[in-house]
Amino acid sequence: MTYDSNQLKKMADMVRAGALTALRAAGNGHAGIALGAADIITVIYANWMRRGCDRFVLSAGHGSAMLYATLKLAGYDVGDLKSFRQIGGLPGHPEYGIPGVDATTGPLGQGIGNAVGMAMAAKICGGDGRVYCLCSDGDLMEGVAAESIGFAGRYQLNNLILFWDDNGISIDGTAQTEMDIPARMAAAGWSVIAVRGDNPRALGMAIARAHKINGPVFIRCTTTIGAGASVAGTSRAHGLALSDTEIADLIEKYTSRMGEKLWATVAGRAAAPCGTIVDAPVRAIVPTPSIDRVDISTRELSGIFLEKLVETDKCLIGGSADLSASTNVHTSAHIDITSDNFNGNFIHYGVREHAMGAIMNGMAITGARPYGSTFLVFSDYMRPAIRLAALMHLPVIYVFTHDSIAVGPDGPTHQPVEQLPSLRLIPNLHVWRPCNMAEVAAAWRHAIDAHDHPSAIILSRQSVHQIPTPNPDDINRGGYVIYAPRGRVRMTLIATGAEVPLAVAAAQKMRGVAVASVPCVELFRAQTCAYRQSVLKGNVIAIEASNPTPWFEFADAVIGMDSFGMSGPGGDVYRHFGFDADTIVDEISTIMN
């Protein structure tokens, strides 16, 4: 059934009433978008969304009350609207996992990237669903939105429609968007349509036209923030600057029996799955390759293992932010995805780290298994997307290379010292820093097998002397003894990645010193106290070329970096900051005395 303009108006008013009911119960939230953009979301859900096939992303996540009201009216089991913003109730911004909520949004711009990723995954994996995304002025001011928009334009994603709630107002007053957003969108390769956002007929015609365009479509919807309220058209309308009496009057005004009946027919529609996104593959176990080199970078080890992995796992979609040759993630088993051929397994994101993170989140939501790579220092550019992947429990994989001051000549701008511990601070993110092929293989296997958390694999640019793992099964515990001295252990050195052979060299110069490799702190922390104590015997000193603070969870003392690095040959920079065996031994002696 297709609804006419008069019916859609009644239905949109029911969305307004439901949103205001939620806001009134909470005593806070965002009324402006619910009152101004209800017609847009109503037209999409009532006349165009194919349940079980198409997706809707509310990038303007502050409009969550409007989304929850729409979903409840459309038959989704979202719970009680009056639980909005209460413990155990509907959260203040949309969260993935609530029925009908296709992405966790709120940090502006992220939802646009998620929608691009969903559209990209549908093209790659053969689904014929469409992605509708509603954004605000604030979304379009964020850099991640610009990156994602440019990416979608280059790949000509003709299954993506972005609606702009163009009310010209943000929290501080007049929205500080570019002077000509439509021109910017056209320059990025999008087709642009302009309509009144409160005109259901015009909105429907715009969507019908968009479906016939071979590329992404941007629909500018001119609206009035807080339409119908006393604060309409002002920045005060963004929040909830309405009296309880006015809210109650508006709820009564917008509630109608006809509106309820019309939405009931939407709720009664059967789901219409269309196309196949991704079926969970049966993954073959990739054997750990043999390596005949004594000194080799862990990024090279990763590339060797990844090539074998890609040959057996066709659902793994790789990518890089213009650094595939440096990060060793583009192998002979990869086929590039292009705007005219989506039958591949590798995406060139361009220099768009933040968009890459947000797009991969959207892909993972559909069931695809994406990984993306860049240098570790540039993880800062994509951190908000990584955090949201962890919050949404998405099994996204990040490959971060050039992991320490040993990057050398590129200098401190490219030498990460705080990024590694800061990534470990993100809840539900598993961070791996392997030192040899056994650990690299374990890191990839864990990342691929994960279903409820993202993984970051941290790799070196410089060669790492290969210290063999005595029992590879121990890697699955996150930490283990990689070097044990003869006799009683009086001290244990903790190390990760490139610092493991350094720790072993230092231990061999002392008596009774063992070395524990801890490639994944999160897994090691999850082990029993008895196991951790069996690994960390005696005095414990951690050695890692990064900020030392987090290691005090396990160590009595830490040898790390409390400053930025400097430019110079990698080995010289390492030695300058005291990362050589003799200096380590001297420092340990000083610490112990």
Protein backbone atom coordinates (compact mmCIF):
# COMPACT_ATOMS: atom_id res chain seq x y z
CA MET A 1 0.00 0.00 0.00
CA THR A 2 1.24 3.47 -0.90
CA TYR A 3 0.02 6.31 1.29
CA ASP A 4 -1.02 9.72 -0.04
CA SER A 5 0.07 13.09 1.29
CA ASN A 6 -2.84 13.55 3.68
CA GLN A 7 -2.30 10.10 5.16
CA LEU A 8 1.45 10.65 5.46
CA LYS A 9 0.83 13.92 7.31
CA LYS A 10 -1.28 12.10 9.89
CA MET A 11 1.39 9.42 10.19
CA ALA A 12 4.17 11.99 10.60
CA ASP A 13 2.18 13.67 13.35
CA MET A 14 2.01 10.34 15.17
CA VAL A 15 5.81 10.17 14.98
CA ARG A 16 5.95 13.66 16.51
CA ALA A 17 3.57 12.63 19.29
CA GLY A 18 5.56 9.49 20.07
CA ALA A 19 8.88 11.35 20.12
CA LEU A 20 7.47 14.06 22.40
CA THR A 21 6.09 11.37 24.72
CA ALA A 22 9.59 9.93 25.07
CA LEU A 23 11.15 13.35 25.58
CA ARG A 24 8.56 14.37 28.14
CA ALA A 25 9.16 11.22 30.17
CA ALA A 26 12.92 11.77 30.12
CA GLY A 27 12.73 15.49 30.78
CA ASN A 28 15.47 16.06 28.22
CA GLY A 29 16.54 15.22 24.69
CA HIS A 30 16.12 16.79 21.27
CA ALA A 31 12.72 17.98 20.14
CA GLY A 32 13.78 20.14 17.21
CA ILE A 33 14.61 17.39 14.73
CA ALA A 34 11.61 15.29 15.75
CA LEU A 35 9.22 18.14 15.01
CA GLY A 36 11.01 19.30 11.88
CA ALA A 37 12.03 16.07 10.13
CA ALA A 38 9.19 13.69 11.02
CA ASP A 39 7.76 13.91 7.50
CA ILE A 40 11.05 12.72 5.98
CA ILE A 41 11.39 9.59 8.11
CA THR A 42 7.67 8.85 7.74
CA VAL A 43 7.76 8.91 3.93
CA ILE A 44 10.79 6.60 3.94
CA TYR A 45 9.32 4.01 6.32
CA ALA A 46 5.72 4.17 5.10
CA ASN A 47 6.22 4.14 1.33
CA TRP A 48 9.76 2.97 0.53
CA MET A 49 11.49 0.86 3.18
CA ARG A 50 11.38 -2.85 2.42
CA ARG A 51 11.65 -4.48 5.82
CA GLY A 52 14.36 -7.11 5.91
CA CYS A 53 15.96 -5.72 2.76
CA ASP A 54 16.61 -1.98 2.94
CA ARG A 55 18.41 -0.15 5.73
CA PHE A 56 17.93 3.21 7.42
CA VAL A 57 20.68 5.06 9.28
CA LEU A 58 19.93 8.08 11.42
CA SER A 59 23.29 9.80 11.26
CA ALA A 60 21.77 12.70 13.16
CA GLY A 61 21.62 10.46 16.20
CA HIS A 62 20.29 13.20 18.47
CA GLY A 63 16.96 12.49 16.73
CA SER A 64 16.78 9.13 18.49
CA ALA A 65 13.34 9.79 20.01
CA MET A 66 11.99 10.33 16.49
CA LEU A 67 13.59 7.08 15.30
CA TYR A 68 12.28 5.06 18.26
CA ALA A 69 8.79 6.47 17.76
CA THR A 70 8.88 5.58 14.06
CA LEU A 71 10.14 2.06 14.72
CA LYS A 72 7.52 1.42 17.39
CA LEU A 73 4.75 2.59 15.08
CA ALA A 74 6.17 0.45 12.26
CA GLY A 75 5.95 -2.67 14.41
CA TYR A 76 9.46 -3.05 15.80
CA ASP A 77 9.73 -4.24 19.40
CA VAL A 78 11.75 -1.32 20.74
CA GLY A 79 10.14 -1.28 24.17
CA ASP A 80 8.41 1.51 26.08
CA LEU A 81 9.01 5.01 24.71
CA LYS A 82 8.69 6.32 28.25
CA SER A 83 11.86 4.42 29.17
CA PHE A 84 13.83 6.87 27.01
CA ARG A 85 17.16 7.86 28.56
CA GLN A 86 16.55 5.76 31.67
CA ILE A 87 18.75 2.94 33.01
CA GLY A 88 17.85 -0.21 31.10
CA GLY A 89 15.58 1.70 28.73
CA LEU A 90 15.98 3.29 25.31
CA PRO A 91 19.38 5.03 25.15
CA GLY A 92 19.82 8.73 24.48
CA HIS A 93 21.32 8.06 21.06
CA PRO A 94 20.54 5.11 18.76
CA GLU A 95 22.40 1.92 19.63
CA TYR A 96 22.92 -1.02 17.31
CA GLY A 97 21.13 -4.08 18.65
CA ILE A 98 17.81 -2.37 19.34
CA PRO A 99 15.33 -3.86 16.84
CA GLY A 100 15.34 -1.73 13.70
CA VAL A 101 18.37 0.36 14.69
CA ASP A 102 20.97 -0.35 12.02
CA ALA A 103 23.91 1.54 13.55
CA THR A 104 25.04 3.22 16.74
CA THR A 105 25.10 6.92 15.95
CA GLY A 106 25.38 10.20 17.79
CA PRO A 107 28.96 11.27 17.13
CA LEU A 108 28.10 13.31 14.06
CA GLY A 109 29.21 12.18 10.63
CA GLN A 110 29.73 8.54 11.64
CA GLY A 111 26.33 7.43 10.39
CA ILE A 112 27.06 8.74 6.91
CA GLY A 113 30.18 6.57 6.80
CA ASN A 114 28.19 3.59 8.14
CA ALA A 115 25.58 4.05 5.43
CA VAL A 116 28.28 4.19 2.76
CA GLY A 117 29.73 0.94 4.14
CA MET A 118 26.34 -0.77 4.08
CA ALA A 119 25.80 0.31 0.48
CA MET A 120 29.32 -0.82 -0.44
CA ALA A 121 28.81 -4.24 1.16
CA ALA A 122 25.53 -4.72 -0.69
CA LYS A 123 27.29 -4.01 -4.00
CA ILE A 124 30.17 -6.37 -3.21
CA CYS A 125 28.09 -9.21 -1.82
CA GLY A 126 25.22 -9.17 -4.27
CA GLY A 127 22.41 -7.70 -2.16
CA ASP A 128 19.92 -5.45 -3.93
CA GLY A 129 18.78 -3.53 -0.87
CA ARG A 130 18.99 0.24 -0.65
CA VAL A 131 20.40 2.37 2.13
CA TYR A 132 18.60 5.51 3.29
CA CYS A 133 20.44 7.90 5.60
CA LEU A 134 19.19 11.07 7.30
CA CYS A 135 21.80 13.62 8.29
CA SER A 136 21.88 17.06 9.83
CA ASP A 137 23.84 20.25 9.27
CA GLY A 138 26.21 19.09 11.98
CA ASP A 139 26.90 15.78 10.23
CA LEU A 140 27.93 17.59 7.06
CA MET A 141 30.40 19.76 8.97
CA GLU A 142 32.34 16.74 10.23
CA GLY A 143 35.42 15.62 8.31
CA VAL A 144 34.44 11.95 8.38
CA ALA A 145 31.29 12.85 6.44
CA ALA A 146 33.29 14.65 3.76
CA GLU A 147 35.66 11.69 3.45
CA SER A 148 32.78 9.22 3.20
CA ILE A 149 30.91 11.37 0.69
CA GLY A 150 34.00 11.56 -1.53
CA PHE A 151 34.45 7.79 -1.32
CA ALA A 152 30.80 7.08 -2.23
CA GLY A 153 31.05 9.42 -5.19
CA ARG A 154 34.17 7.74 -6.54
CA TYR A 155 32.56 4.30 -6.27
CA GLN A 156 29.23 5.56 -7.67
CA LEU A 157 27.10 3.79 -5.09
CA ASN A 158 23.69 3.91 -6.76
CA ASN A 159 21.99 2.16 -3.85
CA LEU A 160 22.58 5.02 -1.42
CA ILE A 161 20.31 8.04 -0.74
CA LEU A 162 21.36 10.70 1.77
CA PHE A 163 18.69 13.08 3.08
CA TRP A 164 19.81 16.42 4.49
CA ASP A 165 17.62 17.91 7.22
CA ASP A 166 18.44 21.45 6.10
CA ASN A 167 17.11 23.71 8.84
CA GLY A 168 20.12 26.04 9.00
CA ILE A 169 20.34 25.84 12.79
CA SER A 170 22.79 24.19 15.17
CA ILE A 171 23.32 24.48 18.92
CA ASP A 172 25.22 27.76 18.77
CA GLY A 173 22.87 29.40 16.28
CA THR A 174 23.30 29.60 12.52
CA ALA A 175 24.76 26.37 11.18
CA GLN A 176 28.33 26.90 10.00
CA THR A 177 28.10 24.67 6.94
CA GLU A 178 29.78 25.49 3.63
CA MET A 179 28.15 28.25 1.65
CA ASP A 180 26.95 25.81 -1.01
CA ILE A 181 26.50 22.23 0.17
CA PRO A 182 24.74 21.07 -3.04
CA ALA A 183 27.69 22.26 -5.14
CA ARG A 184 30.07 20.37 -2.88
CA MET A 185 27.99 17.22 -3.22
CA ALA A 186 27.83 17.54 -7.01
CA ALA A 187 31.61 18.03 -7.12
CA ALA A 188 31.97 14.80 -5.13
CA GLY A 189 30.04 12.86 -7.76
CA TRP A 190 26.55 12.91 -6.23
CA SER A 191 23.28 13.80 -7.93
CA VAL A 192 21.43 16.51 -6.01
CA ILE A 193 17.66 16.97 -5.60
CA ALA A 194 16.04 19.77 -3.58
CA VAL A 195 12.59 19.56 -1.95
CA ARG A 196 10.62 20.88 0.99
CA GLY A 197 11.12 18.47 3.86
CA ASP A 198 7.54 18.93 5.04
CA ASN A 199 6.03 18.02 1.64
CA PRO A 200 5.37 14.25 1.52
CA ARG A 201 4.42 14.27 -2.17
CA ALA A 202 7.62 16.07 -3.17
CA LEU A 203 9.69 13.76 -0.97
CA GLY A 204 8.15 10.69 -2.60
CA MET A 205 8.79 12.03 -6.09
CA ALA A 206 12.41 12.76 -5.15
CA ILE A 207 12.95 9.21 -3.89
CA ALA A 208 11.37 7.72 -7.01
CA ARG A 209 13.68 9.84 -9.14
CA ALA A 210 16.69 8.89 -7.02
CA HIS A 211 16.06 5.19 -7.63
CA LYS A 212 16.61 5.74 -11.35
CA ILE A 213 19.95 7.56 -10.99
CA ASN A 214 23.18 5.63 -11.50
CA GLY A 215 25.09 6.95 -8.53
CA PRO A 216 24.60 8.19 -4.97
CA VAL A 217 21.84 10.75 -4.49
CA PHE A 218 21.70 13.69 -2.08
CA ILE A 219 18.23 15.01 -1.29
CA ARG A 220 18.21 18.47 0.26
CA CYS A 221 15.15 18.70 2.51
CA THR A 222 14.42 22.25 3.66
CA THR A 223 12.80 22.11 7.10
CA THR A 224 12.06 24.24 10.15
CA ILE A 225 13.67 23.04 13.34
CA GLY A 226 11.04 22.62 16.05
CA ALA A 227 8.20 23.17 13.58
CA GLY A 228 4.92 23.89 15.32
CA ALA A 229 6.49 24.79 18.66
CA SER A 230 6.92 28.20 20.26
CA VAL A 231 10.70 28.04 19.70
CA ALA A 232 10.48 26.97 16.06
CA GLY A 233 13.33 28.12 13.83
CA THR A 234 15.65 29.01 16.71
CA SER A 235 18.66 27.31 18.28
CA ARG A 236 16.60 26.80 21.43
CA ALA A 237 14.52 24.28 19.51
CA HIS A 238 17.48 21.92 19.20
CA GLY A 239 17.03 20.63 22.74
CA LEU A 240 13.90 20.55 24.85
CA ALA A 241 13.19 24.23 25.55
CA LEU A 242 9.46 23.60 25.86
CA SER A 243 7.29 23.70 28.94
CA ASP A 244 5.58 20.54 30.06
CA THR A 245 2.24 22.15 29.25
CA GLU A 246 3.29 22.92 25.67
CA ILE A 247 4.63 19.39 25.18
CA ALA A 248 1.38 17.90 26.47
CA ASP A 249 -0.64 20.16 24.17
CA LEU A 250 1.49 19.16 21.15
CA ILE A 251 1.14 15.44 21.96
CA GLU A 252 -2.64 15.83 22.09
CA LYS A 253 -2.62 17.85 18.86
CA TYR A 254 -0.57 15.31 16.91
CA THR A 255 -2.23 12.12 18.17
CA SER A 256 -5.01 10.74 15.96
CA ARG A 257 -6.88 7.50 15.57
CA MET A 258 -6.39 7.66 11.81
CA GLY A 259 -2.63 7.99 12.23
CA GLU A 260 -2.55 4.95 14.51
CA LYS A 261 -4.56 2.85 12.04
CA LEU A 262 -2.35 3.82 9.11
CA TRP A 263 0.81 2.89 10.97
CA ALA A 264 -0.80 -0.40 12.01
CA THR A 265 -0.97 -1.39 8.36
CA VAL A 266 2.76 -0.67 8.03
CA ALA A 267 3.45 -2.78 11.12
CA GLY A 268 1.51 -5.63 9.56
CA ARG A 269 3.68 -5.89 6.48
CA ALA A 270 5.73 -9.04 6.07
CA ALA A 271 9.50 -8.77 5.79
CA ALA A 272 10.80 -8.94 2.24
CA PRO A 273 14.40 -10.20 2.19
CA CYS A 274 16.07 -9.34 -1.09
CA GLY A 275 19.42 -10.58 -2.24
CA THR A 276 22.13 -12.21 -0.18
CA ILE A 277 24.50 -10.06 1.82
CA VAL A 278 26.92 -12.49 3.43
CA ASP A 279 26.57 -16.05 4.60
CA ALA A 280 28.92 -17.01 7.42
CA PRO A 281 31.70 -18.96 5.71
CA VAL A 282 33.13 -22.23 6.86
CA ARG A 283 36.69 -21.09 7.46
CA ALA A 284 39.58 -23.41 6.75
CA ILE A 285 42.41 -23.44 9.26
CA VAL A 286 45.41 -21.80 7.64
CA PRO A 287 48.63 -23.50 8.76
CA THR A 288 51.37 -21.29 10.15
CA PRO A 289 53.85 -20.77 7.29
CA SER A 290 57.49 -21.72 7.75
CA ILE A 291 59.94 -18.83 7.66
CA ASP A 292 63.60 -19.30 6.80
CA ARG A 293 64.66 -15.75 7.63
CA VAL A 294 66.08 -15.01 11.06
CA ASP A 295 65.33 -11.29 10.81
CA ILE A 296 62.08 -10.14 9.22
CA SER A 297 59.51 -7.42 9.93
CA THR A 298 56.20 -8.46 11.39
CA ARG A 299 54.38 -6.58 8.61
CA GLU A 300 56.06 -8.97 6.15
CA LEU A 301 55.06 -11.94 8.28
CA SER A 302 51.50 -10.66 8.28
CA GLY A 303 51.52 -10.30 4.50
CA ILE A 304 52.75 -13.87 4.08
CA PHE A 305 50.02 -15.25 6.34
CA LEU A 306 47.34 -12.97 4.91
CA GLU A 307 47.95 -14.21 1.38
CA LYS A 308 47.20 -17.76 2.49
CA LEU A 309 44.21 -16.57 4.48
CA VAL A 310 42.66 -14.64 1.57
CA GLU A 311 43.03 -17.67 -0.70
CA THR A 312 40.77 -19.66 1.64
CA ASP A 313 38.37 -16.95 2.86
CA LYS A 314 36.55 -15.23 0.01
CA CYS A 315 34.35 -13.19 2.37
CA LEU A 316 37.31 -11.29 3.84
CA ILE A 317 37.29 -7.79 2.32
CA GLY A 318 40.63 -6.01 2.58
CA GLY A 319 41.50 -2.38 2.21
CA SER A 320 43.97 0.37 2.90
CA ALA A 321 44.08 4.12 3.28
CA ASP A 322 46.53 4.53 0.38
CA LEU A 323 49.28 2.50 2.08
CA SER A 324 48.73 -1.08 0.91
CA ALA A 325 52.30 -1.53 -0.32
CA SER A 326 53.71 -0.31 2.99
CA THR A 327 51.34 -2.27 5.20
CA ASN A 328 51.65 -5.52 3.20
CA VAL A 329 47.90 -6.09 3.03
CA HIS A 330 47.46 -6.25 -0.75
CA THR A 331 48.48 -9.73 -1.86
CA SER A 332 48.46 -11.72 -5.09
CA ALA A 333 45.18 -13.26 -3.91
CA HIS A 334 43.39 -9.90 -3.98
CA ILE A 335 41.20 -8.45 -6.72
CA ASP A 336 40.63 -4.70 -6.64
CA ILE A 337 37.07 -3.43 -6.31
CA THR A 338 36.28 -0.59 -8.70
CA SER A 339 33.27 1.57 -9.48
CA ASP A 340 32.42 -0.60 -12.48
CA ASN A 341 33.37 -3.98 -10.97
CA PHE A 342 32.42 -4.88 -7.41
CA ASN A 343 33.39 -8.53 -7.88
CA GLY A 344 36.57 -8.25 -5.85
CA ASN A 345 37.95 -8.33 -2.33
CA PHE A 346 40.13 -5.24 -1.90
CA ILE A 347 39.08 -1.61 -1.47
CA HIS A 348 41.31 1.40 -2.10
CA TYR A 349 39.95 3.96 0.37
CA GLY A 350 42.36 6.72 -0.56
CA VAL A 351 43.80 8.89 2.20
CA ARG A 352 40.60 8.63 4.23
CA GLU A 353 41.47 6.86 7.49
CA HIS A 354 38.43 8.07 9.42
CA ALA A 355 36.01 7.21 6.62
CA MET A 356 37.68 3.83 6.25
CA GLY A 357 36.88 3.07 9.89
CA ALA A 358 33.26 4.24 9.62
CA ILE A 359 32.72 2.47 6.30
CA MET A 360 34.13 -0.79 7.66
CA ASN A 361 31.66 -0.53 10.55
CA GLY A 362 28.81 -0.28 8.07
CA MET A 363 30.16 -3.26 6.15
CA ALA A 364 30.50 -5.34 9.31
CA ILE A 365 26.91 -4.54 10.30
CA THR A 366 25.76 -6.24 7.08
CA GLY A 367 27.77 -9.37 7.90
CA ALA A 368 30.82 -8.68 5.74
CA ARG A 369 34.29 -9.18 7.28
CA PRO A 370 36.38 -6.11 6.52
CA TYR A 371 39.93 -5.23 7.46
CA GLY A 372 41.67 -1.95 6.78
CA SER A 373 45.22 -0.77 7.18
CA THR A 374 47.31 2.32 7.78
CA PHE A 375 50.27 3.35 9.96
CA LEU A 376 49.75 3.08 13.72
CA VAL A 377 50.25 6.80 14.25
CA PHE A 378 47.30 7.48 11.94
CA SER A 379 44.98 5.37 14.08
CA ASP A 380 44.36 8.71 15.77
CA TYR A 381 42.52 9.84 12.64
CA MET A 382 40.05 6.94 12.90
CA ARG A 383 39.77 6.51 16.66
CA PRO A 384 36.08 7.52 16.93
CA ALA A 385 35.15 4.82 14.40
CA ILE A 386 37.27 2.24 16.26
CA ARG A 387 35.53 3.14 19.51
CA LEU A 388 32.12 2.73 17.92
CA ALA A 389 33.11 -0.66 16.45
CA ALA A 390 33.97 -1.79 19.97
CA LEU A 391 30.72 -0.35 21.32
CA MET A 392 28.70 -2.13 18.61
CA HIS A 393 30.62 -5.40 19.11
CA LEU A 394 31.60 -5.49 15.43
CA PRO A 395 34.40 -7.89 14.33
CA VAL A 396 36.28 -5.27 12.30
CA ILE A 397 40.03 -5.83 11.85
CA TYR A 398 42.62 -3.04 11.83
CA VAL A 399 46.14 -3.61 10.56
CA PHE A 400 48.46 -0.92 11.94
CA THR A 401 52.10 -0.99 10.86
CA HIS A 402 55.17 1.22 11.50
CA ASP A 403 54.52 0.66 15.18
CA SER A 404 57.27 2.48 17.07
CA ILE A 405 60.13 4.96 17.18
CA ALA A 406 62.06 2.49 15.02
CA VAL A 407 60.25 4.07 12.07
CA GLY A 408 63.28 6.33 12.31
CA PRO A 409 63.94 8.93 9.57
CA ASP A 410 60.30 10.03 9.18
CA GLY A 411 60.65 11.54 12.64
CA PRO A 412 58.35 11.99 15.62
CA THR A 413 55.32 12.92 13.48
CA HIS A 414 55.28 9.32 12.27
CA GLN A 415 56.63 7.58 15.39
CA PRO A 416 53.79 6.36 17.64
CA VAL A 417 54.48 6.40 21.36
CA GLU A 418 51.02 6.86 22.90
CA GLN A 419 48.82 5.13 20.32
CA LEU A 420 49.44 1.55 21.42
CA PRO A 421 48.45 2.03 25.09
CA SER A 422 45.58 4.31 24.11
CA LEU A 423 44.12 1.61 21.87
CA ARG A 424 44.38 -0.86 24.73
CA LEU A 425 42.22 1.51 26.80
CA ILE A 426 39.23 1.06 24.48
CA PRO A 427 36.84 -1.47 26.05
CA ASN A 428 36.13 -4.57 23.95
CA LEU A 429 38.99 -3.95 21.49
CA HIS A 430 41.58 -6.72 21.29
CA VAL A 431 45.02 -5.31 20.53
CA TRP A 432 47.69 -7.67 19.21
CA ARG A 433 51.40 -6.84 18.92
CA PRO A 434 53.09 -10.05 17.71
CA CYS A 435 56.82 -10.74 17.67
CA ASN A 436 57.09 -13.78 15.37
CA MET A 437 55.19 -15.78 12.77
CA ALA A 438 53.43 -17.96 15.36
CA GLU A 439 52.06 -14.87 17.09
CA VAL A 440 51.15 -13.18 13.79
CA ALA A 441 49.18 -16.27 12.75
CA ALA A 442 47.47 -16.43 16.14
CA ALA A 443 46.54 -12.74 15.92
CA TRP A 444 44.93 -13.18 12.51
CA ARG A 445 43.12 -16.37 13.54
CA HIS A 446 41.68 -14.72 16.63
CA ALA A 447 40.63 -11.66 14.64
CA ILE A 448 38.92 -13.77 11.97
CA ASP A 449 37.18 -15.99 14.51
CA ALA A 450 35.94 -13.03 16.57
CA HIS A 451 32.23 -12.32 16.44
CA ASP A 452 31.68 -9.74 19.18
CA HIS A 453 34.73 -7.47 19.19
CA PRO A 454 37.10 -5.66 16.82
CA SER A 455 40.82 -6.47 16.67
CA ALA A 456 43.88 -4.33 16.03
CA ILE A 457 47.04 -6.06 14.78
CA ILE A 458 50.12 -3.91 15.44
CA LEU A 459 53.12 -4.61 13.19
CA SER A 460 56.69 -3.43 12.75
CA ARG A 461 58.32 -1.78 9.78
CA GLN A 462 61.81 -2.82 10.89
CA SER A 463 63.11 -6.37 10.95
CA VAL A 464 62.56 -8.30 14.15
CA HIS A 465 64.90 -11.10 15.23
CA GLN A 466 62.79 -14.25 15.38
CA ILE A 467 62.56 -15.77 18.84
CA PRO A 468 60.68 -19.10 18.59
CA THR A 469 57.57 -19.69 20.66
CA PRO A 470 58.09 -22.90 22.72
CA ASN A 471 54.40 -23.89 22.65
CA PRO A 472 52.22 -22.02 20.10
CA ASP A 473 49.05 -22.96 21.98
CA ASP A 474 50.18 -20.69 24.82
CA ILE A 475 49.70 -17.66 22.53
CA ASN A 476 45.96 -18.17 22.85
CA ARG A 477 46.27 -17.11 26.49
CA GLY A 478 47.52 -13.68 25.43
CA GLY A 479 50.85 -14.03 27.27
CA TYR A 480 53.35 -16.78 27.99
CA VAL A 481 57.00 -17.44 28.79
CA ILE A 482 58.95 -17.23 25.56
CA TYR A 483 62.40 -17.47 27.21
CA ALA A 484 63.16 -19.28 30.47
CA PRO A 485 66.58 -19.36 32.18
CA ARG A 486 68.07 -22.36 33.86
CA GLY A 487 67.28 -22.60 37.54
CA ARG A 488 65.07 -20.36 39.65
CA VAL A 489 63.41 -17.33 38.06
CA ARG A 490 63.99 -14.22 40.14
CA MET A 491 62.77 -11.71 37.57
CA THR A 492 60.50 -11.60 34.51
CA LEU A 493 60.72 -9.13 31.68
CA ILE A 494 57.45 -8.44 29.86
CA ALA A 495 57.78 -7.42 26.21
CA THR A 496 55.72 -7.26 23.03
CA GLY A 497 56.48 -7.21 19.33
CA ALA A 498 59.87 -5.84 18.36
CA GLU A 499 60.95 -5.50 21.98
CA VAL A 500 60.75 -9.26 22.64
CA PRO A 501 64.17 -10.09 21.11
CA LEU A 502 65.59 -7.05 22.91
CA ALA A 503 64.24 -8.36 26.23
CA VAL A 504 65.64 -11.83 25.51
CA ALA A 505 69.07 -10.35 24.70
CA ALA A 506 69.00 -8.44 27.99
CA ALA A 507 67.81 -11.49 29.96
CA GLN A 508 70.67 -13.57 28.57
CA LYS A 509 73.10 -11.07 30.07
CA MET A 510 71.64 -11.58 33.54
CA ARG A 511 71.01 -14.53 35.86
CA GLY A 512 67.59 -15.96 36.63
CA VAL A 513 65.66 -13.69 34.27
CA ALA A 514 62.76 -14.95 32.14
CA VAL A 515 60.95 -13.17 29.32
CA ALA A 516 57.18 -13.15 28.87
CA SER A 517 55.77 -12.24 25.50
CA VAL A 518 52.33 -10.65 25.93
CA PRO A 519 51.02 -10.10 22.39
CA CYS A 520 47.43 -9.52 23.56
CA VAL A 521 46.92 -7.82 26.92
CA GLU A 522 43.15 -8.29 26.78
CA LEU A 523 43.44 -12.09 26.54
CA PHE A 524 46.16 -12.22 29.18
CA ARG A 525 44.10 -10.13 31.58
CA ALA A 526 41.22 -12.61 31.15
CA GLN A 527 43.33 -15.55 32.36
CA THR A 528 43.18 -16.85 35.91
CA CYS A 529 45.32 -15.20 38.54
CA ALA A 530 47.18 -18.49 38.96
CA TYR A 531 48.12 -18.59 35.29
CA ARG A 532 49.29 -14.98 35.23
CA GLN A 533 51.42 -15.62 38.30
CA SER A 534 52.94 -18.68 36.65
CA VAL A 535 54.08 -16.46 33.78
CA LEU A 536 55.12 -13.39 35.77
CA LYS A 537 57.50 -14.70 38.42
CA GLY A 538 59.68 -12.64 40.72
CA ASN A 539 60.12 -8.93 40.11
CA VAL A 540 58.38 -7.90 36.90
CA ILE A 541 59.68 -5.23 34.54
CA ALA A 542 57.90 -4.32 31.30
CA ILE A 543 59.81 -3.16 28.22
CA GLU A 544 57.92 -1.45 25.39
CA ALA A 545 58.74 1.53 23.16
CA SER A 546 55.53 3.33 24.10
CA ASN A 547 54.01 5.20 27.01
CA PRO A 548 54.76 3.12 30.12
CA THR A 549 51.77 3.89 32.37
CA PRO A 550 49.35 1.01 31.52
CA TRP A 551 51.98 -1.66 32.11
CA PHE A 552 51.94 -0.98 35.86
CA GLU A 553 48.86 -3.23 35.94
CA PHE A 554 51.28 -6.16 35.69
CA ALA A 555 54.77 -4.77 36.28
CA ASP A 556 56.72 -3.37 39.20
CA ALA A 557 58.66 -1.10 36.87
CA VAL A 558 58.48 -0.11 33.20
CA ILE A 559 61.09 0.87 30.63
CA GLY A 560 59.20 2.84 28.01
CA MET A 561 58.83 6.19 26.26
CA ASP A 562 57.83 9.31 28.16
CA SER A 563 58.56 11.69 25.29
CA PHE A 564 58.14 11.92 21.54
CA GLY A 565 60.78 10.31 19.34
CA MET A 566 63.18 11.98 16.93
CA SER A 567 64.34 11.73 13.35
CA GLY A 568 67.26 9.44 12.51
CA PRO A 569 68.03 5.87 11.44
CA GLY A 570 65.69 3.51 13.26
CA GLY A 571 68.39 1.60 15.10
CA ASP A 572 70.07 4.82 16.21
CA VAL A 573 66.78 6.22 17.50
CA TYR A 574 66.17 3.01 19.43
CA ARG A 575 69.60 3.22 21.03
CA HIS A 576 69.26 6.96 21.70
CA PHE A 577 66.23 6.26 23.86
CA GLY A 578 67.88 3.36 25.65
CA PHE A 579 66.40 0.43 23.77
CA ASP A 580 69.49 -1.77 23.49
CA ALA A 581 70.43 -4.77 25.60
CA ASP A 582 73.33 -3.21 27.52
CA THR A 583 71.37 -0.08 28.45
CA ILE A 584 68.39 -2.19 29.47
CA VAL A 585 70.59 -4.29 31.76
CA ASP A 586 72.07 -1.15 33.34
CA GLU A 587 68.62 0.36 33.85
CA ILE A 588 67.29 -2.82 35.41
CA SER A 589 70.25 -2.87 37.78
CA THR A 590 69.49 0.72 38.75
CA ILE A 591 65.81 -0.07 39.27
CA MET A 592 66.58 -3.10 41.43
CA ASN A 593 69.01 -1.17 43.56
